[in-house]
Amino acid sequence: MSNTNSTSDSQSPQKAQDSQHSKHSDNTHDTQGGTRRETNSRRPTPIEVLRQARSQLAELTGLAPESVSSFEETEDGWSLEVEVLELARVPDTMSLMASYQVELDPEGQLTGYRRVRRYERGRADARGGR
């Protein structure tokens, strides 16, 4: 009988702790929701913008970004040029690469993209740096 009571007693604090954890989780969720709203009103860091741009471009195109070759803040948000592998070839220096111009709003959400050039990975750029 005392085992049953001690088991009940030991479960009761656990249930209370679980209940508090659940309430804490709810509060954490509420806080995250509030933080999310605060995040939307605050300016993202350049690293956050780069990560969001790469992730969103990959999701939309199905292509894996390899590098960001240009990055600037504009009046309308952010502008990036992202290099992606479009077609893998052997040897790798013959793989087909592409540069995408990616536009994001001030919060870092992708608003548009377009392919601006295609080139073989192993080729020097004939256009003098671009």
C-alpha atoms as a PDB file:
ATOM      1  CA  MET A   1       0.000   0.000   0.000  1.00  0.00           C
ATOM      2  CA  SER A   2       2.813   2.375   0.774  1.00  0.00           C
ATOM      3  CA  ASN A   3       4.413   1.341  -2.529  1.00  0.00           C
ATOM      4  CA  THR A   4       1.229   2.304  -4.312  1.00  0.00           C
ATOM      5  CA  ASN A   5       1.089   5.595  -2.477  1.00  0.00           C
ATOM      6  CA  SER A   6       4.764   6.321  -3.078  1.00  0.00           C
ATOM      7  CA  THR A   7       4.319   5.370  -6.731  1.00  0.00           C
ATOM      8  CA  SER A   8       1.310   7.657  -6.932  1.00  0.00           C
ATOM      9  CA  ASP A   9       3.244  10.347  -5.104  1.00  0.00           C
ATOM     10  CA  SER A  10       6.250   9.916  -7.382  1.00  0.00           C
ATOM     11  CA  GLN A  11       4.016  10.039 -10.468  1.00  0.00           C
ATOM     12  CA  SER A  12       2.136  13.055  -9.215  1.00  0.00           C
ATOM     13  CA  PRO A  13       5.224  15.337  -9.146  1.00  0.00           C
ATOM     14  CA  GLN A  14       6.179  13.927 -12.558  1.00  0.00           C
ATOM     15  CA  LYS A  15       2.739  14.750 -13.902  1.00  0.00           C
ATOM     16  CA  ALA A  16       2.989  18.201 -12.383  1.00  0.00           C
ATOM     17  CA  GLN A  17       6.422  18.598 -13.958  1.00  0.00           C
ATOM     18  CA  ASP A  18       5.071  17.377 -17.309  1.00  0.00           C
ATOM     19  CA  SER A  19       2.174  19.791 -16.961  1.00  0.00           C
ATOM     20  CA  GLN A  20       4.578  22.634 -16.178  1.00  0.00           C
ATOM     21  CA  HIS A  21       6.760  21.569 -19.108  1.00  0.00           C
ATOM     22  CA  SER A  22       3.681  21.543 -21.310  1.00  0.00           C
ATOM     23  CA  LYS A  23       2.748  25.016 -20.094  1.00  0.00           C
ATOM     24  CA  HIS A  24       6.344  26.114 -20.611  1.00  0.00           C
ATOM     25  CA  SER A  25       6.226  24.677 -24.120  1.00  0.00           C
ATOM     26  CA  ASP A  26       3.035  26.634 -24.744  1.00  0.00           C
ATOM     27  CA  ASN A  27       4.693  29.774 -23.428  1.00  0.00           C
ATOM     28  CA  THR A  28       7.767  29.032 -25.471  1.00  0.00           C
ATOM     29  CA  HIS A  29       5.561  28.665 -28.532  1.00  0.00           C
ATOM     30  CA  ASP A  30       3.872  31.937 -27.701  1.00  0.00           C
ATOM     31  CA  THR A  31       7.268  33.533 -27.194  1.00  0.00           C
ATOM     32  CA  GLN A  32       8.491  32.140 -30.493  1.00  0.00           C
ATOM     33  CA  GLY A  33       5.392  33.523 -32.164  1.00  0.00           C
ATOM     34  CA  GLY A  34       6.106  36.883 -30.551  1.00  0.00           C
ATOM     35  CA  THR A  35       9.776  36.582 -31.453  1.00  0.00           C
ATOM     36  CA  ARG A  36       8.826  35.697 -34.983  1.00  0.00           C
ATOM     37  CA  ARG A  37       6.824  38.891 -35.183  1.00  0.00           C
ATOM     38  CA  GLU A  38       9.758  40.771 -33.694  1.00  0.00           C
ATOM     39  CA  THR A  39      12.083  39.014 -36.155  1.00  0.00           C
ATOM     40  CA  ASN A  40       9.896  40.222 -39.032  1.00  0.00           C
ATOM     41  CA  SER A  41      10.146  43.774 -37.768  1.00  0.00           C
ATOM     42  CA  ARG A  42      13.908  43.641 -37.238  1.00  0.00           C
ATOM     43  CA  ARG A  43      16.480  43.694 -39.980  1.00  0.00           C
ATOM     44  CA  PRO A  44      18.052  40.271 -40.701  1.00  0.00           C
ATOM     45  CA  THR A  45      21.816  39.972 -40.541  1.00  0.00           C
ATOM     46  CA  PRO A  46      23.735  39.489 -43.800  1.00  0.00           C
ATOM     47  CA  ILE A  47      24.472  35.860 -42.869  1.00  0.00           C
ATOM     48  CA  GLU A  48      20.758  35.217 -42.290  1.00  0.00           C
ATOM     49  CA  VAL A  49      19.977  36.756 -45.682  1.00  0.00           C
ATOM     50  CA  LEU A  50      22.612  34.604 -47.413  1.00  0.00           C
ATOM     51  CA  ARG A  51      21.318  31.422 -45.793  1.00  0.00           C
ATOM     52  CA  GLN A  52      17.695  32.251 -46.622  1.00  0.00           C
ATOM     53  CA  ALA A  53      18.538  33.108 -50.220  1.00  0.00           C
ATOM     54  CA  ARG A  54      20.475  29.885 -50.782  1.00  0.00           C
ATOM     55  CA  SER A  55      17.782  27.780 -49.133  1.00  0.00           C
ATOM     56  CA  GLN A  56      14.878  29.397 -50.970  1.00  0.00           C
ATOM     57  CA  LEU A  57      16.629  29.261 -54.360  1.00  0.00           C
ATOM     58  CA  ALA A  58      17.435  25.571 -53.845  1.00  0.00           C
ATOM     59  CA  GLU A  59      13.832  24.825 -52.937  1.00  0.00           C
ATOM     60  CA  LEU A  60      12.461  26.650 -55.974  1.00  0.00           C
ATOM     61  CA  THR A  61      14.939  25.416 -58.594  1.00  0.00           C
ATOM     62  CA  GLY A  62      15.990  22.042 -57.235  1.00  0.00           C
ATOM     63  CA  LEU A  63      19.609  23.127 -57.764  1.00  0.00           C
ATOM     64  CA  ALA A  64      22.187  23.241 -54.983  1.00  0.00           C
ATOM     65  CA  PRO A  65      23.857  26.637 -54.570  1.00  0.00           C
ATOM     66  CA  GLU A  66      27.638  26.353 -54.435  1.00  0.00           C
ATOM     67  CA  SER A  67      28.617  29.941 -53.686  1.00  0.00           C
ATOM     68  CA  VAL A  68      27.449  33.521 -53.534  1.00  0.00           C
ATOM     69  CA  SER A  69      29.552  35.638 -55.897  1.00  0.00           C
ATOM     70  CA  SER A  70      27.942  39.003 -55.123  1.00  0.00           C
ATOM     71  CA  PHE A  71      25.815  40.363 -52.333  1.00  0.00           C
ATOM     72  CA  GLU A  72      24.452  43.838 -51.691  1.00  0.00           C
ATOM     73  CA  GLU A  73      21.715  45.622 -49.823  1.00  0.00           C
ATOM     74  CA  THR A  74      19.412  47.637 -52.081  1.00  0.00           C
ATOM     75  CA  GLU A  75      16.619  50.139 -51.495  1.00  0.00           C
ATOM     76  CA  ASP A  76      14.111  47.300 -51.998  1.00  0.00           C
ATOM     77  CA  GLY A  77      15.907  44.663 -49.898  1.00  0.00           C
ATOM     78  CA  TRP A  78      18.827  42.527 -51.005  1.00  0.00           C
ATOM     79  CA  SER A  79      20.384  41.435 -54.294  1.00  0.00           C
ATOM     80  CA  LEU A  80      22.650  38.405 -54.685  1.00  0.00           C
ATOM     81  CA  GLU A  81      24.300  36.473 -57.461  1.00  0.00           C
ATOM     82  CA  VAL A  82      24.384  32.770 -56.632  1.00  0.00           C
ATOM     83  CA  GLU A  83      26.436  30.135 -58.464  1.00  0.00           C
ATOM     84  CA  VAL A  84      24.791  26.728 -58.907  1.00  0.00           C
ATOM     85  CA  LEU A  85      25.736  23.442 -60.531  1.00  0.00           C
ATOM     86  CA  GLU A  86      23.271  22.881 -63.381  1.00  0.00           C
ATOM     87  CA  LEU A  87      24.786  19.798 -65.018  1.00  0.00           C
ATOM     88  CA  ALA A  88      27.508  17.585 -63.584  1.00  0.00           C
ATOM     89  CA  ARG A  89      30.014  16.266 -66.109  1.00  0.00           C
ATOM     90  CA  VAL A  90      33.219  14.246 -66.042  1.00  0.00           C
ATOM     91  CA  PRO A  91      35.740  15.676 -65.569  1.00  0.00           C
ATOM     92  CA  ASP A  92      34.280  18.124 -63.046  1.00  0.00           C
ATOM     93  CA  THR A  93      35.978  21.050 -64.795  1.00  0.00           C
ATOM     94  CA  MET A  94      33.523  20.513 -67.673  1.00  0.00           C
ATOM     95  CA  SER A  95      30.430  20.685 -65.438  1.00  0.00           C
ATOM     96  CA  LEU A  96      27.869  23.275 -66.467  1.00  0.00           C
ATOM     97  CA  MET A  97      27.460  26.082 -63.914  1.00  0.00           C
ATOM     98  CA  ALA A  98      24.982  28.961 -63.808  1.00  0.00           C
ATOM     99  CA  SER A  99      24.765  32.339 -62.107  1.00  0.00           C
ATOM    100  CA  TYR A 100      21.373  33.343 -60.755  1.00  0.00           C
ATOM    101  CA  GLN A 101      20.420  36.886 -59.817  1.00  0.00           C
ATOM    102  CA  VAL A 102      18.328  36.594 -56.655  1.00  0.00           C
ATOM    103  CA  GLU A 103      16.223  39.417 -55.213  1.00  0.00           C
ATOM    104  CA  LEU A 104      14.958  39.421 -51.628  1.00  0.00           C
ATOM    105  CA  ASP A 105      12.735  41.784 -49.683  1.00  0.00           C
ATOM    106  CA  PRO A 106      14.092  43.605 -46.585  1.00  0.00           C
ATOM    107  CA  GLU A 107      13.102  40.639 -44.366  1.00  0.00           C
ATOM    108  CA  GLY A 108      15.097  38.208 -46.528  1.00  0.00           C
ATOM    109  CA  GLN A 109      12.188  36.550 -48.354  1.00  0.00           C
ATOM    110  CA  LEU A 110      12.876  35.721 -51.984  1.00  0.00           C
ATOM    111  CA  THR A 111      10.861  37.910 -54.342  1.00  0.00           C
ATOM    112  CA  GLY A 112      12.402  36.842 -57.639  1.00  0.00           C
ATOM    113  CA  TYR A 113      15.299  35.164 -59.419  1.00  0.00           C
ATOM    114  CA  ARG A 114      16.620  34.724 -62.934  1.00  0.00           C
ATOM    115  CA  ARG A 115      19.511  32.925 -64.579  1.00  0.00           C
ATOM    116  CA  VAL A 116      21.953  35.507 -65.891  1.00  0.00           C
ATOM    117  CA  ARG A 117      24.611  33.249 -67.393  1.00  0.00           C
ATOM    118  CA  ARG A 118      25.794  29.664 -67.935  1.00  0.00           C
ATOM    119  CA  TYR A 119      29.389  28.540 -68.159  1.00  0.00           C
ATOM    120  CA  GLU A 120      31.666  25.531 -67.822  1.00  0.00           C
ATOM    121  CA  ARG A 121      33.261  25.271 -64.400  1.00  0.00           C
ATOM    122  CA  GLY A 122      36.793  25.089 -65.792  1.00  0.00           C
ATOM    123  CA  ARG A 123      36.513  28.097 -68.126  1.00  0.00           C
ATOM    124  CA  ALA A 124      37.891  31.523 -67.321  1.00  0.00           C
ATOM    125  CA  ASP A 125      35.365  34.314 -67.604  1.00  0.00           C
ATOM    126  CA  ALA A 126      35.888  36.135 -70.912  1.00  0.00           C
ATOM    127  CA  ARG A 127      33.790  39.101 -69.793  1.00  0.00           C
ATOM    128  CA  GLY A 128      36.484  40.529 -67.518  1.00  0.00           C
ATOM    129  CA  GLY A 129      35.383  39.542 -64.058  1.00  0.00           C
ATOM    130  CA  ARG A 130      31.710  38.886 -64.393  1.00  0.00           C
END
